[in-house]
């Protein structure tokens, strides 16, 4: 039974009518020219695809480097903000107190000198 099914299957598969076509010499030349033209276009398309794949790779690499640059700039900005905050704290620490004011000590010096001169003038 198996063999009968196989023979039937192969008979249907290979037993079909084959049609024969005849072409003129001009038609055959037209076919070959068209095939050559299509092969040329195909080779050009293949080279275009390769060039575009290279461009895609370059753009992906450029994108990665851009993202790294953005990350570094973000870190740099954060560090600069921290530096500014540290400078603000330093100004608070280094800023002179009210009793260290230059004008206050100048007034004390003038007052002490004038009092000394007055007292020296009263001694005579």
PDB file of N, CA and C in Angstrom:
ATOM      1  N   UNK A   1       0.812  -1.175   0.000  1.00  0.00           N
ATOM      2  CA  UNK A   1       0.000   0.000   0.000  1.00  0.00           C
ATOM      3  C   UNK A   1       0.871   1.260   0.000  1.00  0.00           C
ATOM      4  N   UNK A   2       1.945   1.210   0.778  1.00  0.00           N
ATOM      5  CA  UNK A   2       2.849   2.354   0.828  1.00  0.00           C
ATOM      6  C   UNK A   2       3.417   2.641  -0.553  1.00  0.00           C
ATOM      7  N   UNK A   3       3.839   1.610  -1.184  1.00  0.00           N
ATOM      8  CA  UNK A   3       4.469   1.783  -2.494  1.00  0.00           C
ATOM      9  C   UNK A   3       3.491   2.368  -3.507  1.00  0.00           C
ATOM     10  N   UNK A   4       2.260   1.965  -3.391  1.00  0.00           N
ATOM     11  CA  UNK A   4       1.257   2.479  -4.299  1.00  0.00           C
ATOM     12  C   UNK A   4       1.062   3.993  -4.104  1.00  0.00           C
ATOM     13  N   UNK A   5       1.052   4.441  -2.846  1.00  0.00           N
ATOM     14  CA  UNK A   5       0.906   5.878  -2.538  1.00  0.00           C
ATOM     15  C   UNK A   5       2.126   6.641  -3.050  1.00  0.00           C
ATOM     16  N   UNK A   6       3.309   6.060  -2.838  1.00  0.00           N
ATOM     17  CA  UNK A   6       4.536   6.728  -3.327  1.00  0.00           C
ATOM     18  C   UNK A   6       4.525   6.859  -4.841  1.00  0.00           C
ATOM     19  N   UNK A   7       4.144   5.780  -5.514  1.00  0.00           N
ATOM     20  CA  UNK A   7       4.111   5.811  -6.979  1.00  0.00           C
ATOM     21  C   UNK A   7       3.087   6.820  -7.461  1.00  0.00           C
ATOM     22  N   UNK A   8       1.948   6.869  -6.816  1.00  0.00           N
ATOM     23  CA  UNK A   8       0.911   7.823  -7.178  1.00  0.00           C
ATOM     24  C   UNK A   8       1.390   9.259  -6.955  1.00  0.00           C
ATOM     25  N   UNK A   9       2.043   9.490  -5.808  1.00  0.00           N
ATOM     26  CA  UNK A   9       2.562  10.826  -5.487  1.00  0.00           C
ATOM     27  C   UNK A   9       3.614  11.264  -6.502  1.00  0.00           C
ATOM     28  N   UNK A  10       4.603  10.406  -6.778  1.00  0.00           N
ATOM     29  CA  UNK A  10       5.634  10.740  -7.756  1.00  0.00           C
ATOM     30  C   UNK A  10       5.056  10.882  -9.152  1.00  0.00           C
ATOM     31  N   UNK A  11       4.078  10.106  -9.480  1.00  0.00           N
ATOM     32  CA  UNK A  11       3.436  10.206 -10.790  1.00  0.00           C
ATOM     33  C   UNK A  11       2.745  11.545 -10.948  1.00  0.00           C
ATOM     34  N   UNK A  12       2.067  12.010  -9.901  1.00  0.00           N
ATOM     35  CA  UNK A  12       1.403  13.304  -9.965  1.00  0.00           C
ATOM     36  C   UNK A  12       2.407  14.446  -9.976  1.00  0.00           C
ATOM     37  N   UNK A  13       3.474  14.259  -9.228  1.00  0.00           N
ATOM     38  CA  UNK A  13       4.475  15.319  -9.114  1.00  0.00           C
ATOM     39  C   UNK A  13       5.249  15.504 -10.409  1.00  0.00           C
ATOM     40  N   UNK A  14       5.728  14.420 -10.983  1.00  0.00           N
ATOM     41  CA  UNK A  14       6.578  14.507 -12.169  1.00  0.00           C
ATOM     42  C   UNK A  14       5.847  14.216 -13.471  1.00  0.00           C
ATOM     43  N   UNK A  15       4.645  13.820 -13.423  1.00  0.00           N
ATOM     44  CA  UNK A  15       3.935  13.429 -14.625  1.00  0.00           C
ATOM     45  C   UNK A  15       3.155  14.568 -15.252  1.00  0.00           C
ATOM     46  N   UNK A  16       3.366  15.786 -14.848  1.00  0.00           N
ATOM     47  CA  UNK A  16       2.619  16.915 -15.387  1.00  0.00           C
ATOM     48  C   UNK A  16       3.064  17.203 -16.811  1.00  0.00           C
ATOM     49  N   UNK A  17       2.163  17.800 -17.562  1.00  0.00           N
ATOM     50  CA  UNK A  17       2.496  18.172 -18.937  1.00  0.00           C
ATOM     51  C   UNK A  17       3.456  19.343 -18.906  1.00  0.00           C
ATOM     52  N   UNK A  18       4.523  19.230 -19.645  1.00  0.00           N
ATOM     53  CA  UNK A  18       5.468  20.339 -19.732  1.00  0.00           C
ATOM     54  C   UNK A  18       5.239  21.041 -21.048  1.00  0.00           C
ATOM     55  N   UNK A  19       5.116  22.338 -20.978  1.00  0.00           N
ATOM     56  CA  UNK A  19       4.889  23.114 -22.180  1.00  0.00           C
ATOM     57  C   UNK A  19       6.221  23.637 -22.686  1.00  0.00           C
ATOM     58  N   UNK A  20       6.369  23.676 -23.985  1.00  0.00           N
ATOM     59  CA  UNK A  20       7.587  24.170 -24.595  1.00  0.00           C
ATOM     60  C   UNK A  20       7.284  25.511 -25.220  1.00  0.00           C
ATOM     61  N   UNK A  21       8.140  26.443 -24.884  1.00  0.00           N
ATOM     62  CA  UNK A  21       7.973  27.781 -25.435  1.00  0.00           C
ATOM     63  C   UNK A  21       9.089  28.031 -26.441  1.00  0.00           C
ATOM     64  N   UNK A  22       8.768  28.739 -27.470  1.00  0.00           N
ATOM     65  CA  UNK A  22       9.775  29.109 -28.453  1.00  0.00           C
ATOM     66  C   UNK A  22       9.836  30.624 -28.517  1.00  0.00           C
ATOM     67  N   UNK A  23      11.067  31.129 -28.524  1.00  0.00           N
ATOM     68  CA  UNK A  23      11.299  32.566 -28.567  1.00  0.00           C
ATOM     69  C   UNK A  23      12.139  32.904 -29.784  1.00  0.00           C
ATOM     70  N   UNK A  24      11.913  34.091 -30.294  1.00  0.00           N
ATOM     71  CA  UNK A  24      12.731  34.529 -31.422  1.00  0.00           C
ATOM     72  C   UNK A  24      14.087  34.987 -30.899  1.00  0.00           C
ATOM     73  N   UNK A  25      15.000  35.179 -31.810  1.00  0.00           N
ATOM     74  CA  UNK A  25      16.356  35.589 -31.422  1.00  0.00           C
ATOM     75  C   UNK A  25      16.335  36.974 -30.786  1.00  0.00           C
ATOM     76  N   UNK A  26      15.485  37.858 -31.258  1.00  0.00           N
ATOM     77  CA  UNK A  26      15.391  39.207 -30.702  1.00  0.00           C
ATOM     78  C   UNK A  26      14.861  39.169 -29.271  1.00  0.00           C
ATOM     79  N   UNK A  27      13.897  38.303 -29.023  1.00  0.00           N
ATOM     80  CA  UNK A  27      13.354  38.173 -27.677  1.00  0.00           C
ATOM     81  C   UNK A  27      14.409  37.635 -26.711  1.00  0.00           C
ATOM     82  N   UNK A  28      15.187  36.651 -27.170  1.00  0.00           N
ATOM     83  CA  UNK A  28      16.248  36.098 -26.327  1.00  0.00           C
ATOM     84  C   UNK A  28      17.287  37.161 -26.022  1.00  0.00           C
ATOM     85  N   UNK A  29      17.666  37.963 -27.019  1.00  0.00           N
ATOM     86  CA  UNK A  29      18.622  39.050 -26.787  1.00  0.00           C
ATOM     87  C   UNK A  29      18.029  40.084 -25.823  1.00  0.00           C
ATOM     88  N   UNK A  30      16.758  40.353 -25.971  1.00  0.00           N
ATOM     89  CA  UNK A  30      16.099  41.280 -25.037  1.00  0.00           C
ATOM     90  C   UNK A  30      16.121  40.734 -23.620  1.00  0.00           C
ATOM     91  N   UNK A  31      15.855  39.409 -23.482  1.00  0.00           N
ATOM     92  CA  UNK A  31      15.914  38.792 -22.154  1.00  0.00           C
ATOM     93  C   UNK A  31      17.303  38.884 -21.543  1.00  0.00           C
ATOM     94  N   UNK A  32      18.315  38.557 -22.372  1.00  0.00           N
ATOM     95  CA  UNK A  32      19.686  38.589 -21.840  1.00  0.00           C
ATOM     96  C   UNK A  32      20.101  40.006 -21.477  1.00  0.00           C
ATOM     97  N   UNK A  33      19.723  40.982 -22.303  1.00  0.00           N
ATOM     98  CA  UNK A  33      20.048  42.375 -21.976  1.00  0.00           C
ATOM     99  C   UNK A  33      19.341  42.811 -20.691  1.00  0.00           C
ATOM    100  N   UNK A  34      18.099  42.413 -20.571  1.00  0.00           N
ATOM    101  CA  UNK A  34      17.350  42.752 -19.362  1.00  0.00           C
ATOM    102  C   UNK A  34      17.970  42.080 -18.138  1.00  0.00           C
ATOM    103  N   UNK A  35      18.412  40.825 -18.275  1.00  0.00           N
ATOM    104  CA  UNK A  35      19.060  40.107 -17.176  1.00  0.00           C
ATOM    105  C   UNK A  35      20.365  40.809 -16.787  1.00  0.00           C
ATOM    106  N   UNK A  36      21.152  41.210 -17.780  1.00  0.00           N
ATOM    107  CA  UNK A  36      22.400  41.910 -17.492  1.00  0.00           C
ATOM    108  C   UNK A  36      22.126  43.235 -16.787  1.00  0.00           C
ATOM    109  N   UNK A  37      21.106  43.943 -17.272  1.00  0.00           N
ATOM    110  CA  UNK A  37      20.744  45.230 -16.658  1.00  0.00           C
ATOM    111  C   UNK A  37      20.321  45.027 -15.200  1.00  0.00           C
ATOM    112  N   UNK A  38      19.526  43.990 -14.964  1.00  0.00           N
ATOM    113  CA  UNK A  38      19.079  43.699 -13.599  1.00  0.00           C
ATOM    114  C   UNK A  38      20.236  43.249 -12.711  1.00  0.00           C
ATOM    115  N   UNK A  39      21.181  42.487 -13.263  1.00  0.00           N
ATOM    116  CA  UNK A  39      22.363  42.095 -12.488  1.00  0.00           C
ATOM    117  C   UNK A  39      23.182  43.314 -12.104  1.00  0.00           C
ATOM    118  N   UNK A  40      23.339  44.271 -13.025  1.00  0.00           N
ATOM    119  CA  UNK A  40      24.070  45.497 -12.725  1.00  0.00           C
ATOM    120  C   UNK A  40      23.368  46.290 -11.632  1.00  0.00           C
ATOM    121  N   UNK A  41      22.042  46.415 -11.771  1.00  0.00           N
ATOM    122  CA  UNK A  41      21.278  47.132 -10.747  1.00  0.00           C
ATOM    123  C   UNK A  41      21.388  46.426  -9.396  1.00  0.00           C
ATOM    124  N   UNK A  42      21.378  45.095  -9.430  1.00  0.00           N
ATOM    125  CA  UNK A  42      21.495  44.334  -8.191  1.00  0.00           C
ATOM    126  C   UNK A  42      22.853  44.569  -7.540  1.00  0.00           C
ATOM    127  N   UNK A  43      23.923  44.558  -8.333  1.00  0.00           N
ATOM    128  CA  UNK A  43      25.254  44.793  -7.762  1.00  0.00           C
ATOM    129  C   UNK A  43      25.355  46.212  -7.210  1.00  0.00           C
ATOM    130  N   UNK A  44      24.743  47.182  -7.897  1.00  0.00           N
ATOM    131  CA  UNK A  44      24.727  48.554  -7.379  1.00  0.00           C
ATOM    132  C   UNK A  44      23.933  48.636  -6.078  1.00  0.00           C
ATOM    133  N   UNK A  45      22.815  47.949  -6.036  1.00  0.00           N
ATOM    134  CA  UNK A  45      22.019  47.942  -4.810  1.00  0.00           C
ATOM    135  C   UNK A  45      22.765  47.286  -3.657  1.00  0.00           C
ATOM    136  N   UNK A  46      23.501  46.213  -3.960  1.00  0.00           N
ATOM    137  CA  UNK A  46      24.286  45.549  -2.918  1.00  0.00           C
ATOM    138  C   UNK A  46      25.346  46.503  -2.383  1.00  0.00           C
ATOM    139  N   UNK A  47      26.023  47.235  -3.268  1.00  0.00           N
ATOM    140  CA  UNK A  47      27.044  48.178  -2.800  1.00  0.00           C
ATOM    141  C   UNK A  47      26.400  49.317  -2.014  1.00  0.00           C
ATOM    142  N   UNK A  48      25.214  49.762  -2.436  1.00  0.00           N
ATOM    143  CA  UNK A  48      24.507  50.796  -1.674  1.00  0.00           C
ATOM    144  C   UNK A  48      24.122  50.293  -0.286  1.00  0.00           C
ATOM    145  N   UNK A  49      23.666  49.072  -0.212  1.00  0.00           N
ATOM    146  CA  UNK A  49      23.292  48.499   1.077  1.00  0.00           C
ATOM    147  C   UNK A  49      24.515  48.417   1.987  1.00  0.00           C
ATOM    148  N   UNK A  50      25.647  48.003   1.448  1.00  0.00           N
ATOM    149  CA  UNK A  50      26.867  47.929   2.253  1.00  0.00           C
ATOM    150  C   UNK A  50      27.290  49.311   2.737  1.00  0.00           C
ATOM    151  N   UNK A  51      27.215  50.306   1.854  1.00  0.00           N
ATOM    152  CA  UNK A  51      27.557  51.671   2.250  1.00  0.00           C
ATOM    153  C   UNK A  51      26.609  52.185   3.333  1.00  0.00           C
ATOM    154  N   UNK A  52      25.337  51.900   3.189  1.00  0.00           N
ATOM    155  CA  UNK A  52      24.370  52.342   4.191  1.00  0.00           C
ATOM    156  C   UNK A  52      24.583  51.632   5.530  1.00  0.00           C
ATOM    157  N   UNK A  53      24.963  50.361   5.480  1.00  0.00           N
ATOM    158  CA  UNK A  53      25.260  49.645   6.725  1.00  0.00           C
ATOM    159  C   UNK A  53      26.470  50.257   7.416  1.00  0.00           C
ATOM    160  N   UNK A  54      27.484  50.663   6.639  1.00  0.00           N
ATOM    161  CA  UNK A  54      28.650  51.332   7.212  1.00  0.00           C
ATOM    162  C   UNK A  54      28.244  52.658   7.836  1.00  0.00           C
ATOM    163  N   UNK A  55      27.371  53.396   7.150  1.00  0.00           N
ATOM    164  CA  UNK A  55      26.904  54.671   7.693  1.00  0.00           C
ATOM    165  C   UNK A  55      26.124  54.460   8.984  1.00  0.00           C
ATOM    166  N   UNK A  56      25.314  53.435   9.011  1.00  0.00           N
ATOM    167  CA  UNK A  56      24.554  53.130  10.238  1.00  0.00           C
ATOM    168  C   UNK A  56      25.505  52.818  11.374  1.00  0.00           C
ATOM    169  N   UNK A  57      26.541  52.035  11.094  1.00  0.00           N
ATOM    170  CA  UNK A  57      27.519  51.699  12.133  1.00  0.00           C
ATOM    171  C   UNK A  57      28.226  52.952  12.632  1.00  0.00           C
ATOM    172  N   UNK A  58      28.605  53.834  11.701  1.00  0.00           N
ATOM    173  CA  UNK A  58      29.263  55.078  12.104  1.00  0.00           C
ATOM    174  C   UNK A  58      28.331  55.955  12.936  1.00  0.00           C
ATOM    175  N   UNK A  59      27.073  56.020  12.555  1.00  0.00           N
ATOM    176  CA  UNK A  59      26.114  56.820  13.309  1.00  0.00           C
ATOM    177  C   UNK A  59      25.867  56.231  14.694  1.00  0.00           C
ATOM    178  N   UNK A  60      25.845  54.915  14.792  1.00  0.00           N
ATOM    179  CA  UNK A  60      25.693  54.284  16.110  1.00  0.00           C
ATOM    180  C   UNK A  60      26.902  54.584  16.984  1.00  0.00           C
ATOM    181  N   UNK A  61      28.103  54.510  16.409  1.00  0.00           N
ATOM    182  CA  UNK A  61      29.311  54.849  17.164  1.00  0.00           C
ATOM    183  C   UNK A  61      29.295  56.314  17.589  1.00  0.00           C
ATOM    184  N   UNK A  62      28.856  57.167  16.687  1.00  0.00           N
ATOM    185  CA  UNK A  62      28.767  58.593  16.996  1.00  0.00           C
ATOM    186  C   UNK A  62      27.752  58.841  18.110  1.00  0.00           C
ATOM    187  N   UNK A  63      26.666  58.111  18.077  1.00  0.00           N
ATOM    188  CA  UNK A  63      25.648  58.238  19.115  1.00  0.00           C
ATOM    189  C   UNK A  63      26.198  57.811  20.473  1.00  0.00           C
ATOM    190  N   UNK A  64      26.968  56.731  20.492  1.00  0.00           N
ATOM    191  CA  UNK A  64      27.568  56.275  21.748  1.00  0.00           C
ATOM    192  C   UNK A  64      28.543  57.312  22.291  1.00  0.00           C
ATOM    193  N   UNK A  65      29.365  57.873  21.417  1.00  0.00           N
ATOM    194  CA  UNK A  65      30.326  58.876  21.877  1.00  0.00           C
ATOM    195  C   UNK A  65      29.601  60.140  22.346  1.00  0.00           C
ATOM    196  N   UNK A  66      28.508  60.503  21.665  1.00  0.00           N
ATOM    197  CA  UNK A  66      27.724  61.657  22.098  1.00  0.00           C
ATOM    198  C   UNK A  66      27.116  61.424  23.480  1.00  0.00           C
ATOM    199  N   UNK A  67      26.609  60.228  23.708  1.00  0.00           N
ATOM    200  CA  UNK A  67      26.021  59.940  25.013  1.00  0.00           C
ATOM    201  C   UNK A  67      27.092  59.958  26.102  1.00  0.00           C
ATOM    202  N   UNK A  68      28.302  59.491  25.778  1.00  0.00           N
ATOM    203  CA  UNK A  68      29.392  59.562  26.756  1.00  0.00           C
ATOM    204  C   UNK A  68      29.759  61.017  27.052  1.00  0.00           C
ATOM    205  N   UNK A  69      29.799  61.840  26.026  1.00  0.00           N
ATOM    206  CA  UNK A  69      30.118  63.253  26.213  1.00  0.00           C
ATOM    207  C   UNK A  69      29.050  63.917  27.077  1.00  0.00           C
ATOM    208  N   UNK A  70      27.787  63.584  26.831  1.00  0.00           N
ATOM    209  CA  UNK A  70      26.705  64.148  27.635  1.00  0.00           C
ATOM    210  C   UNK A  70      26.844  63.720  29.090  1.00  0.00           C
ATOM    211  N   UNK A  71      27.182  62.448  29.323  1.00  0.00           N
ATOM    212  CA  UNK A  71      27.378  61.976  30.695  1.00  0.00           C
ATOM    213  C   UNK A  71      28.526  62.717  31.374  1.00  0.00           C
ATOM    214  N   UNK A  72      29.632  62.901  30.654  1.00  0.00           N
ATOM    215  CA  UNK A  72      30.770  63.606  31.235  1.00  0.00           C
ATOM    216  C   UNK A  72      30.425  65.058  31.523  1.00  0.00           C
ATOM    217  N   UNK A  73      29.676  65.698  30.645  1.00  0.00           N
ATOM    218  CA  UNK A  73      29.269  67.092  30.871  1.00  0.00           C
ATOM    219  C   UNK A  73      28.338  67.189  32.081  1.00  0.00           C
ATOM    220  N   UNK A  74      27.462  66.213  32.228  1.00  0.00           N
ATOM    221  CA  UNK A  74      26.567  66.207  33.383  1.00  0.00           C
ATOM    222  C   UNK A  74      27.367  66.060  34.675  1.00  0.00           C
ATOM    223  N   UNK A  75      28.335  65.171  34.676  1.00  0.00           N
ATOM    224  CA  UNK A  75      29.192  65.004  35.847  1.00  0.00           C
ATOM    225  C   UNK A  75      29.982  66.281  36.120  1.00  0.00           C
ATOM    226  N   UNK A  76      30.466  66.918  35.062  1.00  0.00           N
ATOM    227  CA  UNK A  76      31.227  68.149  35.218  1.00  0.00           C
ATOM    228  C   UNK A  76      30.346  69.242  35.830  1.00  0.00           C
ATOM    229  N   UNK A  77      29.099  69.356  35.378  1.00  0.00           N
ATOM    230  CA  UNK A  77      28.187  70.342  35.944  1.00  0.00           C
ATOM    231  C   UNK A  77      27.902  70.064  37.420  1.00  0.00           C
ATOM    232  N   UNK A  78      27.730  68.797  37.754  1.00  0.00           N
ATOM    233  CA  UNK A  78      27.493  68.451  39.161  1.00  0.00           C
ATOM    234  C   UNK A  78      28.701  68.814  40.015  1.00  0.00           C
ATOM    235  N   UNK A  79      29.888  68.534  39.506  1.00  0.00           N
ATOM    236  CA  UNK A  79      31.095  68.883  40.262  1.00  0.00           C
ATOM    237  C   UNK A  79      31.242  70.393  40.419  1.00  0.00           C
ATOM    238  N   UNK A  80      30.892  71.148  39.388  1.00  0.00           N
ATOM    239  CA  UNK A  80      30.971  72.606  39.491  1.00  0.00           C
ATOM    240  C   UNK A  80      29.951  73.142  40.488  1.00  0.00           C
ATOM    241  N   UNK A  81      28.766  72.553  40.540  1.00  0.00           N
ATOM    242  CA  UNK A  81      27.776  72.962  41.533  1.00  0.00           C
ATOM    243  C   UNK A  81      28.275  72.671  42.946  1.00  0.00           C
ATOM    244  N   UNK A  82      28.896  71.515  43.120  1.00  0.00           N
ATOM    245  CA  UNK A  82      29.461  71.177  44.426  1.00  0.00           C
ATOM    246  C   UNK A  82      30.578  72.155  44.796  1.00  0.00           C
ATOM    247  N   UNK A  83      31.391  72.527  43.821  1.00  0.00           N
ATOM    248  CA  UNK A  83      32.474  73.494  44.069  1.00  0.00           C
ATOM    249  C   UNK A  83      31.889  74.841  44.483  1.00  0.00           C
ATOM    250  N   UNK A  84      30.827  75.273  43.821  1.00  0.00           N
ATOM    251  CA  UNK A  84      30.190  76.540  44.181  1.00  0.00           C
ATOM    252  C   UNK A  84      29.649  76.473  45.604  1.00  0.00           C
ATOM    253  N   UNK A  85      29.034  75.363  45.957  1.00  0.00           N
ATOM    254  CA  UNK A  85      28.521  75.216  47.326  1.00  0.00           C
ATOM    255  C   UNK A  85      29.653  75.234  48.340  1.00  0.00           C
ATOM    256  N   UNK A  86      30.771  74.600  48.017  1.00  0.00           N
ATOM    257  CA  UNK A  86      31.917  74.621  48.928  1.00  0.00           C
ATOM    258  C   UNK A  86      32.487  76.031  49.071  1.00  0.00           C
ATOM    259  N   UNK A  87      32.523  76.792  47.961  1.00  0.00           N
ATOM    260  CA  UNK A  87      32.985  78.175  48.039  1.00  0.00           C
ATOM    261  C   UNK A  87      32.057  79.011  48.917  1.00  0.00           C
ATOM    262  N   UNK A  88      30.760  78.784  48.836  1.00  0.00           N
ATOM    263  CA  UNK A  88      29.811  79.512  49.682  1.00  0.00           C
ATOM    264  C   UNK A  88      30.048  79.217  51.153  1.00  0.00           C
ATOM    265  N   UNK A  89      30.285  77.930  51.447  1.00  0.00           N
ATOM    266  CA  UNK A  89      30.589  77.560  52.833  1.00  0.00           C
ATOM    267  C   UNK A  89      31.900  78.182  53.294  1.00  0.00           C
ATOM    268  N   UNK A  90      32.881  78.228  52.409  1.00  0.00           N
ATOM    269  CA  UNK A  90      34.171  78.830  52.752  1.00  0.00           C
ATOM    270  C   UNK A  90      34.010  80.313  53.056  1.00  0.00           C
ATOM    271  N   UNK A  91      33.172  81.001  52.274  1.00  0.00           N
ATOM    272  CA  UNK A  91      32.929  82.426  52.519  1.00  0.00           C
ATOM    273  C   UNK A  91      32.292  82.619  53.885  1.00  0.00           C
ATOM    274  N   UNK A  92      31.371  81.738  54.256  1.00  0.00           N
ATOM    275  CA  UNK A  92      30.739  81.837  55.572  1.00  0.00           C
ATOM    276  C   UNK A  92      31.755  81.633  56.683  1.00  0.00           C
ATOM    277  N   UNK A  93      32.682  80.708  56.473  1.00  0.00           N
ATOM    278  CA  UNK A  93      33.686  80.413  57.512  1.00  0.00           C
ATOM    279  C   UNK A  93      34.726  81.524  57.600  1.00  0.00           C
ATOM    280  N   UNK A  94      35.151  82.059  56.489  1.00  0.00           N
ATOM    281  CA  UNK A  94      36.248  83.024  56.454  1.00  0.00           C
ATOM    282  C   UNK A  94      35.760  84.456  56.680  1.00  0.00           C
ATOM    283  N   UNK A  95      34.480  84.715  56.487  1.00  0.00           N
ATOM    284  CA  UNK A  95      33.943  86.070  56.617  1.00  0.00           C
ATOM    285  C   UNK A  95      34.232  86.605  58.028  1.00  0.00           C
ATOM    286  N   UNK A  96      34.784  87.841  58.132  1.00  0.00           N
ATOM    287  CA  UNK A  96      35.136  88.369  59.458  1.00  0.00           C
ATOM    288  C   UNK A  96      33.877  88.638  60.297  1.00  0.00           C
ATOM    289  N   UNK A  97      34.042  88.460  61.615  1.00  0.00           N
ATOM    290  CA  UNK A  97      32.948  88.707  62.557  1.00  0.00           C
ATOM    291  C   UNK A  97      32.791  90.212  62.764  1.00  0.00           C
ATOM    292  N   UNK A  98      31.774  90.620  63.482  1.00  0.00           N
ATOM    293  CA  UNK A  98      31.511  92.049  63.668  1.00  0.00           C
ATOM    294  C   UNK A  98      32.647  92.732  64.409  1.00  0.00           C
ATOM    295  N   UNK A  99      33.273  92.008  65.345  1.00  0.00           N
ATOM    296  CA  UNK A  99      34.350  92.632  66.132  1.00  0.00           C
ATOM    297  C   UNK A  99      35.676  92.664  65.374  1.00  0.00           C
ATOM    298  N   UNK A 100      35.727  92.042  64.203  1.00  0.00           N
ATOM    299  CA  UNK A 100      36.940  92.077  63.392  1.00  0.00           C
ATOM    300  C   UNK A 100      36.834  93.087  62.253  1.00  0.00           C
ATOM    301  N   UNK A 101      35.870  93.987  62.324  1.00  0.00           N
ATOM    302  CA  UNK A 101      35.642  94.971  61.285  1.00  0.00           C
ATOM    303  C   UNK A 101      36.781  95.990  61.259  1.00  0.00           C
ATOM    304  N   UNK A 102      37.303  96.337  60.066  1.00  0.00           N
ATOM    305  CA  UNK A 102      38.418  97.285  59.930  1.00  0.00           C
ATOM    306  C   UNK A 102      38.014  98.681  60.395  1.00  0.00           C
ATOM    307  N   UNK A 103      36.810  99.098  60.063  1.00  0.00           N
ATOM    308  CA  UNK A 103      36.370 100.441  60.413  1.00  0.00           C
ATOM    309  C   UNK A 103      36.208 100.582  61.924  1.00  0.00           C
ATOM    310  N   UNK A 104      35.784  99.529  62.582  1.00  0.00           N
ATOM    311  CA  UNK A 104      35.653  99.565  64.040  1.00  0.00           C
ATOM    312  C   UNK A 104      37.022  99.754  64.689  1.00  0.00           C
ATOM    313  N   UNK A 105      38.031  99.032  64.221  1.00  0.00           N
ATOM    314  CA  UNK A 105      39.376  99.160  64.768  1.00  0.00           C
ATOM    315  C   UNK A 105      39.971 100.526  64.404  1.00  0.00           C
ATOM    316  N   UNK A 106      39.618 101.070  63.258  1.00  0.00           N
ATOM    317  CA  UNK A 106      40.094 102.408  62.901  1.00  0.00           C
ATOM    318  C   UNK A 106      39.533 103.443  63.870  1.00  0.00           C
ATOM    319  N   UNK A 107      38.228 103.323  64.160  1.00  0.00           N
ATOM    320  CA  UNK A 107      37.607 104.253  65.109  1.00  0.00           C
ATOM    321  C   UNK A 107      38.227 104.081  66.487  1.00  0.00           C
ATOM    322  N   UNK A 108      38.469 102.864  66.918  1.00  0.00           N
ATOM    323  CA  UNK A 108      39.141 102.636  68.208  1.00  0.00           C
ATOM    324  C   UNK A 108      40.525 103.287  68.225  1.00  0.00           C
ATOM    325  N   UNK A 109      41.255 103.151  67.130  1.00  0.00           N
ATOM    326  CA  UNK A 109      42.605 103.744  67.064  1.00  0.00           C
ATOM    327  C   UNK A 109      42.557 105.260  67.114  1.00  0.00           C
ATOM    328  N   UNK A 110      41.627 105.842  66.357  1.00  0.00           N
ATOM    329  CA  UNK A 110      41.503 107.311  66.385  1.00  0.00           C
ATOM    330  C   UNK A 110      41.095 107.782  67.773  1.00  0.00           C
ATOM    331  N   UNK A 111      40.130 107.083  68.372  1.00  0.00           N
ATOM    332  CA  UNK A 111      39.679 107.470  69.714  1.00  0.00           C
ATOM    333  C   UNK A 111      40.812 107.323  70.724  1.00  0.00           C
ATOM    334  N   UNK A 112      41.554 106.232  70.669  1.00  0.00           N
ATOM    335  CA  UNK A 112      42.653 106.026  71.616  1.00  0.00           C
ATOM    336  C   UNK A 112      43.732 107.073  71.427  1.00  0.00           C
ATOM    337  N   UNK A 113      44.032 107.440  70.180  1.00  0.00           N
ATOM    338  CA  UNK A 113      45.057 108.451  69.916  1.00  0.00           C
ATOM    339  C   UNK A 113      44.588 109.823  70.394  1.00  0.00           C
ATOM    340  N   UNK A 114      43.352 110.162  70.102  1.00  0.00           N
ATOM    341  CA  UNK A 114      42.860 111.471  70.528  1.00  0.00           C
ATOM    342  C   UNK A 114      42.776 111.570  72.045  1.00  0.00           C
ATOM    343  N   UNK A 115      42.364 110.494  72.696  1.00  0.00           N
ATOM    344  CA  UNK A 115      42.332 110.492  74.168  1.00  0.00           C
ATOM    345  C   UNK A 115      43.747 110.606  74.708  1.00  0.00           C
ATOM    346  N   UNK A 116      44.705 109.911  74.122  1.00  0.00           N
ATOM    347  CA  UNK A 116      46.109 109.981  74.588  1.00  0.00           C
ATOM    348  C   UNK A 116      46.652 111.389  74.401  1.00  0.00           C
ATOM    349  N   UNK A 117      46.362 112.039  73.271  1.00  0.00           N
ATOM    350  CA  UNK A 117      46.851 113.375  73.010  1.00  0.00           C
ATOM    351  C   UNK A 117      46.205 114.363  73.994  1.00  0.00           C
ATOM    352  N   UNK A 118      44.913 114.219  74.265  1.00  0.00           N
ATOM    353  CA  UNK A 118      44.229 115.100  75.199  1.00  0.00           C
ATOM    354  C   UNK A 118      44.786 114.963  76.594  1.00  0.00           C
ATOM    355  N   UNK A 119      45.003 113.697  77.004  1.00  0.00           N
ATOM    356  CA  UNK A 119      45.548 113.468  78.348  1.00  0.00           C
ATOM    357  C   UNK A 119      46.984 113.984  78.455  1.00  0.00           C
ATOM    358  N   UNK A 120      47.740 113.853  77.388  1.00  0.00           N
ATOM    359  CA  UNK A 120      49.113 114.356  77.386  1.00  0.00           C
ATOM    360  C   UNK A 120      49.086 115.889  77.448  1.00  0.00           C
ATOM    361  N   UNK A 121      48.098 116.521  76.800  1.00  0.00           N
ATOM    362  CA  UNK A 121      47.988 117.977  76.852  1.00  0.00           C
ATOM    363  C   UNK A 121      47.554 118.476  78.221  1.00  0.00           C
ATOM    364  N   UNK A 122      46.817 117.731  78.953  1.00  0.00           N
ATOM    365  CA  UNK A 122      46.364 118.119  80.286  1.00  0.00           C
ATOM    366  C   UNK A 122      47.475 117.938  81.303  1.00  0.00           C
ATOM    367  N   UNK A 123      48.424 117.117  81.058  1.00  0.00           N
ATOM    368  CA  UNK A 123      49.539 116.900  81.991  1.00  0.00           C
ATOM    369  C   UNK A 123      50.442 118.134  82.065  1.00  0.00           C
ATOM    370  N   UNK A 124      50.570 118.901  81.109  1.00  0.00           N
ATOM    371  CA  UNK A 124      51.444 120.090  81.126  1.00  0.00           C
ATOM    372  C   UNK A 124      50.876 121.154  81.913  1.00  0.00           C
TER     373      UNK A 124
END
